[in-house]
Every structure is written in C-alpha cells, then in structure tokens.
Amino acid sequence: MLFSFRVRLNRLAVYRVFATTLPLNFMPQSAALFQQNFHDGKGVSP
C-alpha cells in the first residue's frame, strides 16, 4: 500500500517537473497528451 502511494507521488513529481520545464509554445498539445497517458496509468513517457 505504501509502495503504491510512493509510486504515485514519484509520478506526480515527474509530471510536475516535466510540465514546468516544457517550452510554453510546446505546452498545450504535449501537456494534453501527457496528461491523458498519465491518467490512463500508462506511466511517464515524454
């Protein structure tokens, strides 16, 4: 249970870093795609 929680926290942290480091003009399309993958549980794949 705790391990699953940690994995979720790690994914969220990676997602936040990825979102904040993206160029602004590249953001909308890529963020939407990334967020979809993230919510589908496919993991983090830039």
N, C-alpha and C. Protein backbone atom coordinates (compact mmCIF):
# COMPACT_ATOMS: atom_id res chain seq x y z
N MET A 1 0.84 -1.20 0.00
CA MET A 1 0.00 0.00 0.00
C MET A 1 0.89 1.26 0.00
N LEU A 2 1.85 1.26 0.87
CA LEU A 2 2.74 2.42 0.97
C LEU A 2 3.58 2.57 -0.30
N PHE A 3 3.99 1.41 -0.84
CA PHE A 3 4.79 1.43 -2.07
C PHE A 3 3.99 2.05 -3.22
N SER A 4 2.72 1.65 -3.33
CA SER A 4 1.85 2.19 -4.38
C SER A 4 1.71 3.71 -4.23
N PHE A 5 1.58 4.15 -2.99
CA PHE A 5 1.46 5.57 -2.71
C PHE A 5 2.72 6.32 -3.13
N ARG A 6 3.88 5.71 -2.86
CA ARG A 6 5.15 6.34 -3.22
C ARG A 6 5.30 6.44 -4.73
N VAL A 7 4.90 5.40 -5.42
CA VAL A 7 4.97 5.42 -6.88
C VAL A 7 4.11 6.54 -7.44
N ARG A 8 2.94 6.71 -6.86
CA ARG A 8 2.05 7.80 -7.29
C ARG A 8 2.69 9.15 -7.06
N LEU A 9 3.33 9.32 -5.91
CA LEU A 9 4.00 10.58 -5.60
C LEU A 9 5.14 10.83 -6.59
N ASN A 10 5.90 9.79 -6.88
CA ASN A 10 7.01 9.94 -7.84
C ASN A 10 6.50 10.34 -9.21
N ARG A 11 5.44 9.69 -9.65
CA ARG A 11 4.87 10.03 -10.96
C ARG A 11 4.39 11.47 -10.99
N LEU A 12 3.75 11.90 -9.91
CA LEU A 12 3.25 13.27 -9.85
C LEU A 12 4.41 14.26 -9.88
N ALA A 13 5.48 13.94 -9.16
CA ALA A 13 6.64 14.81 -9.13
C ALA A 13 7.28 14.91 -10.52
N VAL A 14 7.42 13.77 -11.19
CA VAL A 14 7.99 13.76 -12.54
C VAL A 14 7.10 14.54 -13.49
N TYR A 15 5.80 14.36 -13.33
CA TYR A 15 4.85 15.08 -14.19
C TYR A 15 4.98 16.59 -13.98
N ARG A 16 5.11 17.01 -12.73
CA ARG A 16 5.23 18.44 -12.43
C ARG A 16 6.51 19.01 -13.02
N VAL A 17 7.61 18.28 -12.87
CA VAL A 17 8.88 18.74 -13.43
C VAL A 17 8.80 18.83 -14.94
N PHE A 18 8.21 17.79 -15.54
CA PHE A 18 8.07 17.75 -16.99
C PHE A 18 7.22 18.93 -17.48
N ALA A 19 6.14 19.21 -16.77
CA ALA A 19 5.23 20.28 -17.17
C ALA A 19 5.88 21.66 -17.02
N THR A 20 6.68 21.83 -15.99
CA THR A 20 7.28 23.15 -15.75
C THR A 20 8.49 23.41 -16.62
N THR A 21 9.12 22.34 -17.13
CA THR A 21 10.31 22.54 -17.95
C THR A 21 10.00 22.60 -19.44
N LEU A 22 8.75 22.33 -19.79
CA LEU A 22 8.38 22.38 -21.21
C LEU A 22 8.36 23.83 -21.71
N PRO A 23 8.77 24.03 -22.95
CA PRO A 23 8.61 25.35 -23.56
C PRO A 23 7.13 25.71 -23.65
N LEU A 24 6.81 26.99 -23.49
CA LEU A 24 5.41 27.40 -23.45
C LEU A 24 4.68 27.14 -24.76
N ASN A 25 5.33 27.33 -25.88
CA ASN A 25 4.64 27.14 -27.17
C ASN A 25 4.39 25.66 -27.45
N PHE A 26 5.14 24.80 -26.79
CA PHE A 26 5.00 23.36 -26.98
C PHE A 26 4.06 22.75 -25.95
N MET A 27 3.71 23.56 -24.96
CA MET A 27 2.99 23.08 -23.78
C MET A 27 1.60 22.50 -24.05
N PRO A 28 0.67 23.22 -24.67
CA PRO A 28 -0.73 22.78 -24.71
C PRO A 28 -0.91 21.38 -25.31
N GLN A 29 -0.38 21.17 -26.49
CA GLN A 29 -0.56 19.88 -27.17
C GLN A 29 0.10 18.75 -26.39
N SER A 30 1.35 18.97 -26.00
CA SER A 30 2.12 17.93 -25.33
C SER A 30 1.56 17.64 -23.94
N ALA A 31 1.17 18.68 -23.22
CA ALA A 31 0.63 18.50 -21.87
C ALA A 31 -0.66 17.70 -21.91
N ALA A 32 -1.49 17.98 -22.90
CA ALA A 32 -2.75 17.25 -23.03
C ALA A 32 -2.48 15.76 -23.28
N LEU A 33 -1.55 15.50 -24.18
CA LEU A 33 -1.20 14.11 -24.50
C LEU A 33 -0.58 13.42 -23.29
N PHE A 34 0.32 14.12 -22.63
CA PHE A 34 1.00 13.56 -21.46
C PHE A 34 0.00 13.29 -20.34
N GLN A 35 -0.91 14.23 -20.13
CA GLN A 35 -1.90 14.09 -19.06
C GLN A 35 -2.83 12.90 -19.34
N GLN A 36 -3.16 12.70 -20.60
CA GLN A 36 -4.02 11.58 -20.97
C GLN A 36 -3.31 10.26 -20.64
N ASN A 37 -2.05 10.15 -21.03
CA ASN A 37 -1.27 8.95 -20.72
C ASN A 37 -1.14 8.76 -19.22
N PHE A 38 -0.95 9.87 -18.52
CA PHE A 38 -0.76 9.83 -17.07
C PHE A 38 -2.02 9.29 -16.39
N HIS A 39 -3.18 9.77 -16.81
CA HIS A 39 -4.44 9.34 -16.19
C HIS A 39 -4.84 7.93 -16.61
N ASP A 40 -4.37 7.50 -17.76
CA ASP A 40 -4.65 6.13 -18.19
C ASP A 40 -3.79 5.13 -17.44
N GLY A 41 -2.78 5.63 -16.71
CA GLY A 41 -1.93 4.76 -15.92
C GLY A 41 -0.85 4.09 -16.73
N LYS A 42 -0.53 4.65 -17.89
CA LYS A 42 0.50 4.06 -18.73
C LYS A 42 1.90 4.45 -18.26
N GLY A 43 1.96 5.33 -17.29
CA GLY A 43 3.25 5.74 -16.78
C GLY A 43 3.72 7.02 -17.44
N VAL A 44 4.97 7.34 -17.24
CA VAL A 44 5.53 8.59 -17.73
C VAL A 44 6.33 8.35 -19.00
N SER A 45 5.87 8.89 -20.11
CA SER A 45 6.61 8.76 -21.36
C SER A 45 6.56 10.06 -22.13
N PRO A 46 7.62 10.85 -22.05
CA PRO A 46 7.66 12.16 -22.73
C PRO A 46 7.50 12.00 -24.25
